[in-house]
Amino acid sequence: MKRIVIFASGSGTNAENLIKFFHNSDTVSVIQVLTNNPHAKVLERAKKLKVSALSFNRIALLETDDVLNILKASKPDLIVLAGFLWKFPENILNAFPNKVINVHPALLPKYGGKGMYGMHVHEAVVANKEKQTGITIHYVNEFYDEGAIIFQATCDVNSDDSAEDVAAKIHELEMEHFPKVVEKLLNE
């Protein structure tokens, strides 16, 4: 059985989608959700779906090996960042090489980097009158949004689209593609 640990910071719709996608799988299981936000809705979603969920603070992730040790004990085959907003620490990346992926709400390399997440990305896409945007699923390295690209999916941006309209289109792409890409990676 392949094991997934999800990191999230917010509402957890991508985490919930992944958990549900693999719920009846004989080969893949989401075993844990970790969050840096003790009030994140993802904790509630994980609990409802009977998946272990824990929150941690900045010290546990960045200044000690506490989170690394949790991961070592969990033995994940893949660590999935699904709306996790902190830069991922090198000690975990080194312990799990090519095992940490992220979904980004734009077509990298455009609209990536520190501070480019959620509505900030969609507002920038609309402000720059982009004709197309999408999602990028990529490996995580020591730099924000610069890891090798695994998969991209696109959608059109209409001239009258608001940032909220773009967010809805991106959410649809994430719901459709993210679990399938995760599954494919685990079956390679």
C-alpha atoms as a PDB file:
ATOM      1  CA  MET A   1       0.000   0.000   0.000  1.00  0.00           C
ATOM      2  CA  LYS A   2       1.445   3.380  -1.066  1.00  0.00           C
ATOM      3  CA  ARG A   3       1.173   6.046   1.624  1.00  0.00           C
ATOM      4  CA  ILE A   4       0.446   9.779   1.216  1.00  0.00           C
ATOM      5  CA  VAL A   5       0.889  12.544   3.765  1.00  0.00           C
ATOM      6  CA  ILE A   6      -0.783  15.856   2.903  1.00  0.00           C
ATOM      7  CA  PHE A   7       0.331  19.293   4.120  1.00  0.00           C
ATOM      8  CA  ALA A   8      -2.282  22.065   3.966  1.00  0.00           C
ATOM      9  CA  SER A   9      -2.782  25.490   5.543  1.00  0.00           C
ATOM     10  CA  GLY A  10      -6.403  26.355   4.872  1.00  0.00           C
ATOM     11  CA  SER A  11      -9.800  25.019   3.963  1.00  0.00           C
ATOM     12  CA  GLY A  12      -8.526  21.707   2.647  1.00  0.00           C
ATOM     13  CA  THR A  13     -10.677  21.148  -0.436  1.00  0.00           C
ATOM     14  CA  ASN A  14      -7.743  19.614  -2.327  1.00  0.00           C
ATOM     15  CA  ALA A  15      -6.871  17.443   0.677  1.00  0.00           C
ATOM     16  CA  GLU A  16     -10.488  16.272   0.948  1.00  0.00           C
ATOM     17  CA  ASN A  17     -10.587  15.535  -2.775  1.00  0.00           C
ATOM     18  CA  LEU A  18      -7.415  13.429  -2.527  1.00  0.00           C
ATOM     19  CA  ILE A  19      -8.675  11.545   0.537  1.00  0.00           C
ATOM     20  CA  LYS A  20     -11.985  10.752  -1.170  1.00  0.00           C
ATOM     21  CA  PHE A  21     -10.288   9.794  -4.454  1.00  0.00           C
ATOM     22  CA  PHE A  22      -8.132   7.162  -2.712  1.00  0.00           C
ATOM     23  CA  HIS A  23     -10.705   6.130  -0.088  1.00  0.00           C
ATOM     24  CA  ASN A  24     -11.552   2.767  -1.682  1.00  0.00           C
ATOM     25  CA  SER A  25      -8.161   2.171  -3.282  1.00  0.00           C
ATOM     26  CA  ASP A  26      -6.374  -1.120  -2.676  1.00  0.00           C
ATOM     27  CA  THR A  27      -3.023   0.421  -3.554  1.00  0.00           C
ATOM     28  CA  VAL A  28      -2.949   4.016  -2.201  1.00  0.00           C
ATOM     29  CA  SER A  29      -3.999   5.572   1.094  1.00  0.00           C
ATOM     30  CA  VAL A  30      -3.876   9.082   2.538  1.00  0.00           C
ATOM     31  CA  ILE A  31      -2.600   8.304   6.006  1.00  0.00           C
ATOM     32  CA  GLN A  32      -2.163  11.752   7.527  1.00  0.00           C
ATOM     33  CA  VAL A  33      -2.860  15.461   7.151  1.00  0.00           C
ATOM     34  CA  LEU A  34      -0.455  17.975   8.690  1.00  0.00           C
ATOM     35  CA  THR A  35      -1.089  21.704   8.999  1.00  0.00           C
ATOM     36  CA  ASN A  36       0.676  24.785  10.290  1.00  0.00           C
ATOM     37  CA  ASN A  37      -2.701  26.353  11.145  1.00  0.00           C
ATOM     38  CA  PRO A  38      -4.445  24.983  14.257  1.00  0.00           C
ATOM     39  CA  HIS A  39      -7.707  26.587  13.071  1.00  0.00           C
ATOM     40  CA  ALA A  40      -7.543  25.306   9.485  1.00  0.00           C
ATOM     41  CA  LYS A  41     -10.726  23.769   8.169  1.00  0.00           C
ATOM     42  CA  VAL A  42      -8.604  20.935   6.735  1.00  0.00           C
ATOM     43  CA  LEU A  43      -8.398  19.483  10.282  1.00  0.00           C
ATOM     44  CA  GLU A  44     -12.189  19.201  10.409  1.00  0.00           C
ATOM     45  CA  ARG A  45     -12.351  17.705   6.912  1.00  0.00           C
ATOM     46  CA  ALA A  46      -9.703  15.083   7.757  1.00  0.00           C
ATOM     47  CA  LYS A  47     -11.453  14.153  11.005  1.00  0.00           C
ATOM     48  CA  LYS A  48     -14.778  13.656   9.173  1.00  0.00           C
ATOM     49  CA  LEU A  49     -13.015  11.386   6.696  1.00  0.00           C
ATOM     50  CA  LYS A  50     -11.265   9.453   9.499  1.00  0.00           C
ATOM     51  CA  VAL A  51      -7.726  10.495   8.555  1.00  0.00           C
ATOM     52  CA  SER A  52      -5.193  11.374  11.243  1.00  0.00           C
ATOM     53  CA  ALA A  53      -4.601  15.126  11.376  1.00  0.00           C
ATOM     54  CA  LEU A  54      -2.104  17.161  13.378  1.00  0.00           C
ATOM     55  CA  SER A  55      -1.107  20.797  13.580  1.00  0.00           C
ATOM     56  CA  PHE A  56       2.407  22.028  14.248  1.00  0.00           C
ATOM     57  CA  ASN A  57       4.094  25.377  14.761  1.00  0.00           C
ATOM     58  CA  ARG A  58       6.978  27.098  12.995  1.00  0.00           C
ATOM     59  CA  ILE A  59       9.528  25.807  15.520  1.00  0.00           C
ATOM     60  CA  ALA A  60       8.467  22.164  15.018  1.00  0.00           C
ATOM     61  CA  LEU A  61       8.863  22.509  11.245  1.00  0.00           C
ATOM     62  CA  LEU A  62      11.822  24.838  10.818  1.00  0.00           C
ATOM     63  CA  GLU A  63      13.943  24.769  13.983  1.00  0.00           C
ATOM     64  CA  THR A  64      13.681  21.164  15.168  1.00  0.00           C
ATOM     65  CA  ASP A  65      13.246  17.753  13.567  1.00  0.00           C
ATOM     66  CA  ASP A  66       9.792  17.252  15.120  1.00  0.00           C
ATOM     67  CA  VAL A  67       7.851  17.279  11.837  1.00  0.00           C
ATOM     68  CA  LEU A  68      10.620  15.358  10.076  1.00  0.00           C
ATOM     69  CA  ASN A  69      10.397  12.666  12.763  1.00  0.00           C
ATOM     70  CA  ILE A  70       6.605  12.452  12.346  1.00  0.00           C
ATOM     71  CA  LEU A  71       7.166  11.902   8.630  1.00  0.00           C
ATOM     72  CA  LYS A  72       9.890   9.319   9.188  1.00  0.00           C
ATOM     73  CA  ALA A  73       7.511   7.397  11.453  1.00  0.00           C
ATOM     74  CA  SER A  74       4.703   7.649   8.860  1.00  0.00           C
ATOM     75  CA  LYS A  75       6.955   6.424   6.019  1.00  0.00           C
ATOM     76  CA  PRO A  76       5.121   8.235   3.198  1.00  0.00           C
ATOM     77  CA  ASP A  77       5.748   7.291  -0.409  1.00  0.00           C
ATOM     78  CA  LEU A  78       4.644  10.808  -1.376  1.00  0.00           C
ATOM     79  CA  ILE A  79       4.266  14.096   0.494  1.00  0.00           C
ATOM     80  CA  VAL A  80       1.642  16.294  -1.137  1.00  0.00           C
ATOM     81  CA  LEU A  81       1.446  20.038  -0.518  1.00  0.00           C
ATOM     82  CA  ALA A  82      -2.154  21.089  -1.096  1.00  0.00           C
ATOM     83  CA  GLY A  83      -2.445  24.752  -0.237  1.00  0.00           C
ATOM     84  CA  PHE A  84       0.490  24.717   2.171  1.00  0.00           C
ATOM     85  CA  LEU A  85       1.788  28.273   2.416  1.00  0.00           C
ATOM     86  CA  TRP A  86       5.161  27.987   4.155  1.00  0.00           C
ATOM     87  CA  LYS A  87       8.426  27.337   2.381  1.00  0.00           C
ATOM     88  CA  PHE A  88       9.194  23.649   2.776  1.00  0.00           C
ATOM     89  CA  PRO A  89      12.324  22.930   4.857  1.00  0.00           C
ATOM     90  CA  GLU A  90      15.446  21.425   3.345  1.00  0.00           C
ATOM     91  CA  ASN A  91      15.812  18.770   6.076  1.00  0.00           C
ATOM     92  CA  ILE A  92      12.529  17.181   4.923  1.00  0.00           C
ATOM     93  CA  LEU A  93      13.364  17.617   1.225  1.00  0.00           C
ATOM     94  CA  ASN A  94      16.715  15.903   1.824  1.00  0.00           C
ATOM     95  CA  ALA A  95      15.095  13.039   3.745  1.00  0.00           C
ATOM     96  CA  PHE A  96      12.454  12.517   1.024  1.00  0.00           C
ATOM     97  CA  PRO A  97      14.155  13.335  -2.307  1.00  0.00           C
ATOM     98  CA  ASN A  98      11.720  13.566  -5.245  1.00  0.00           C
ATOM     99  CA  LYS A  99       8.875  12.618  -2.895  1.00  0.00           C
ATOM    100  CA  VAL A 100       7.419  16.104  -2.237  1.00  0.00           C
ATOM    101  CA  ILE A 101       5.020  17.675  -4.733  1.00  0.00           C
ATOM    102  CA  ASN A 102       2.879  20.806  -4.816  1.00  0.00           C
ATOM    103  CA  VAL A 103      -0.043  22.122  -6.813  1.00  0.00           C
ATOM    104  CA  HIS A 104       0.280  25.794  -7.822  1.00  0.00           C
ATOM    105  CA  PRO A 105      -2.683  27.840  -9.129  1.00  0.00           C
ATOM    106  CA  ALA A 106      -0.915  29.218 -12.216  1.00  0.00           C
ATOM    107  CA  LEU A 107       1.181  28.114 -15.156  1.00  0.00           C
ATOM    108  CA  LEU A 108       4.668  28.227 -13.725  1.00  0.00           C
ATOM    109  CA  PRO A 109       7.118  29.817 -14.163  1.00  0.00           C
ATOM    110  CA  LYS A 110       4.593  32.686 -14.377  1.00  0.00           C
ATOM    111  CA  TYR A 111       3.048  33.888 -11.115  1.00  0.00           C
ATOM    112  CA  GLY A 112       5.230  31.841  -8.815  1.00  0.00           C
ATOM    113  CA  GLY A 113       7.443  32.743  -5.903  1.00  0.00           C
ATOM    114  CA  LYS A 114       7.074  34.121  -2.411  1.00  0.00           C
ATOM    115  CA  GLY A 115       3.672  35.685  -1.817  1.00  0.00           C
ATOM    116  CA  MET A 116       2.138  34.229  -4.969  1.00  0.00           C
ATOM    117  CA  TYR A 117      -0.650  32.011  -3.666  1.00  0.00           C
ATOM    118  CA  GLY A 118      -4.433  31.883  -3.785  1.00  0.00           C
ATOM    119  CA  MET A 119      -6.226  35.074  -4.753  1.00  0.00           C
ATOM    120  CA  HIS A 120      -2.916  36.960  -5.117  1.00  0.00           C
ATOM    121  CA  VAL A 121      -2.194  34.799  -8.164  1.00  0.00           C
ATOM    122  CA  HIS A 122      -5.677  35.159  -9.675  1.00  0.00           C
ATOM    123  CA  GLU A 123      -5.705  38.939  -9.152  1.00  0.00           C
ATOM    124  CA  ALA A 124      -2.329  39.214 -10.914  1.00  0.00           C
ATOM    125  CA  VAL A 125      -3.539  37.046 -13.823  1.00  0.00           C
ATOM    126  CA  VAL A 126      -6.608  39.270 -14.300  1.00  0.00           C
ATOM    127  CA  ALA A 127      -4.645  42.528 -13.835  1.00  0.00           C
ATOM    128  CA  ASN A 128      -2.170  41.441 -16.517  1.00  0.00           C
ATOM    129  CA  LYS A 129      -4.990  40.534 -18.903  1.00  0.00           C
ATOM    130  CA  GLU A 130      -3.717  36.993 -19.413  1.00  0.00           C
ATOM    131  CA  LYS A 131      -5.634  34.973 -22.002  1.00  0.00           C
ATOM    132  CA  GLN A 132      -4.830  31.672 -20.323  1.00  0.00           C
ATOM    133  CA  THR A 133      -3.925  30.364 -16.891  1.00  0.00           C
ATOM    134  CA  GLY A 134      -4.031  26.991 -15.217  1.00  0.00           C
ATOM    135  CA  ILE A 135      -2.437  24.738 -12.647  1.00  0.00           C
ATOM    136  CA  THR A 136       1.055  23.382 -12.288  1.00  0.00           C
ATOM    137  CA  ILE A 137       1.892  20.264 -10.320  1.00  0.00           C
ATOM    138  CA  HIS A 138       5.602  20.243  -9.582  1.00  0.00           C
ATOM    139  CA  TYR A 139       8.273  18.732  -7.391  1.00  0.00           C
ATOM    140  CA  VAL A 140       9.215  20.894  -4.427  1.00  0.00           C
ATOM    141  CA  ASN A 141      12.777  22.084  -4.009  1.00  0.00           C
ATOM    142  CA  GLU A 142      14.428  24.665  -1.752  1.00  0.00           C
ATOM    143  CA  PHE A 143      12.995  27.594  -3.773  1.00  0.00           C
ATOM    144  CA  TYR A 144       9.374  28.701  -4.002  1.00  0.00           C
ATOM    145  CA  ASP A 145       7.678  27.179  -7.066  1.00  0.00           C
ATOM    146  CA  GLU A 146      10.907  26.324  -8.898  1.00  0.00           C
ATOM    147  CA  GLY A 147      10.921  22.518  -8.753  1.00  0.00           C
ATOM    148  CA  ALA A 148      10.645  20.397 -11.890  1.00  0.00           C
ATOM    149  CA  ILE A 149       7.213  20.535 -13.514  1.00  0.00           C
ATOM    150  CA  ILE A 150       5.285  17.261 -13.524  1.00  0.00           C
ATOM    151  CA  PHE A 151       2.004  18.365 -15.126  1.00  0.00           C
ATOM    152  CA  GLN A 152       0.137  21.460 -16.290  1.00  0.00           C
ATOM    153  CA  ALA A 153      -3.497  22.000 -17.281  1.00  0.00           C
ATOM    154  CA  THR A 154      -4.839  25.204 -18.779  1.00  0.00           C
ATOM    155  CA  CYS A 155      -8.047  27.177 -18.922  1.00  0.00           C
ATOM    156  CA  ASP A 156      -9.028  30.325 -20.773  1.00  0.00           C
ATOM    157  CA  VAL A 157      -9.328  33.673 -19.045  1.00  0.00           C
ATOM    158  CA  ASN A 158     -12.119  35.765 -20.549  1.00  0.00           C
ATOM    159  CA  SER A 159     -11.783  39.542 -20.730  1.00  0.00           C
ATOM    160  CA  ASP A 160     -14.676  39.965 -18.292  1.00  0.00           C
ATOM    161  CA  ASP A 161     -13.473  37.327 -15.781  1.00  0.00           C
ATOM    162  CA  SER A 162     -12.938  38.491 -12.214  1.00  0.00           C
ATOM    163  CA  ALA A 163     -10.278  37.026  -9.947  1.00  0.00           C
ATOM    164  CA  GLU A 164     -13.086  34.987  -8.355  1.00  0.00           C
ATOM    165  CA  ASP A 165     -14.080  33.610 -11.774  1.00  0.00           C
ATOM    166  CA  VAL A 166     -10.469  32.590 -12.403  1.00  0.00           C
ATOM    167  CA  ALA A 167     -10.284  31.000  -8.932  1.00  0.00           C
ATOM    168  CA  ALA A 168     -13.361  28.883  -9.727  1.00  0.00           C
ATOM    169  CA  LYS A 169     -11.814  27.681 -13.007  1.00  0.00           C
ATOM    170  CA  ILE A 170      -8.541  26.821 -11.250  1.00  0.00           C
ATOM    171  CA  HIS A 171     -10.418  24.951  -8.532  1.00  0.00           C
ATOM    172  CA  GLU A 172     -12.125  22.807 -11.187  1.00  0.00           C
ATOM    173  CA  LEU A 173      -8.760  21.969 -12.763  1.00  0.00           C
ATOM    174  CA  GLU A 174      -7.320  21.026  -9.363  1.00  0.00           C
ATOM    175  CA  MET A 175     -10.277  18.800  -8.508  1.00  0.00           C
ATOM    176  CA  GLU A 176     -10.087  17.025 -11.871  1.00  0.00           C
ATOM    177  CA  HIS A 177      -6.342  16.584 -12.325  1.00  0.00           C
ATOM    178  CA  PHE A 178      -4.541  16.613  -8.973  1.00  0.00           C
ATOM    179  CA  PRO A 179      -5.664  13.145  -7.738  1.00  0.00           C
ATOM    180  CA  LYS A 180      -4.992  11.539 -11.137  1.00  0.00           C
ATOM    181  CA  VAL A 181      -1.467  12.963 -11.289  1.00  0.00           C
ATOM    182  CA  VAL A 182      -0.777  11.807  -7.726  1.00  0.00           C
ATOM    183  CA  GLU A 183      -2.043   8.330  -8.596  1.00  0.00           C
ATOM    184  CA  LYS A 184       0.113   8.201 -11.738  1.00  0.00           C
ATOM    185  CA  LEU A 185       3.227   9.249  -9.809  1.00  0.00           C
ATOM    186  CA  LEU A 186       2.655   6.535  -7.227  1.00  0.00           C
ATOM    187  CA  ASN A 187       2.185   3.880  -9.916  1.00  0.00           C
ATOM    188  CA  GLU A 188       5.365   4.703 -11.856  1.00  0.00           C
END
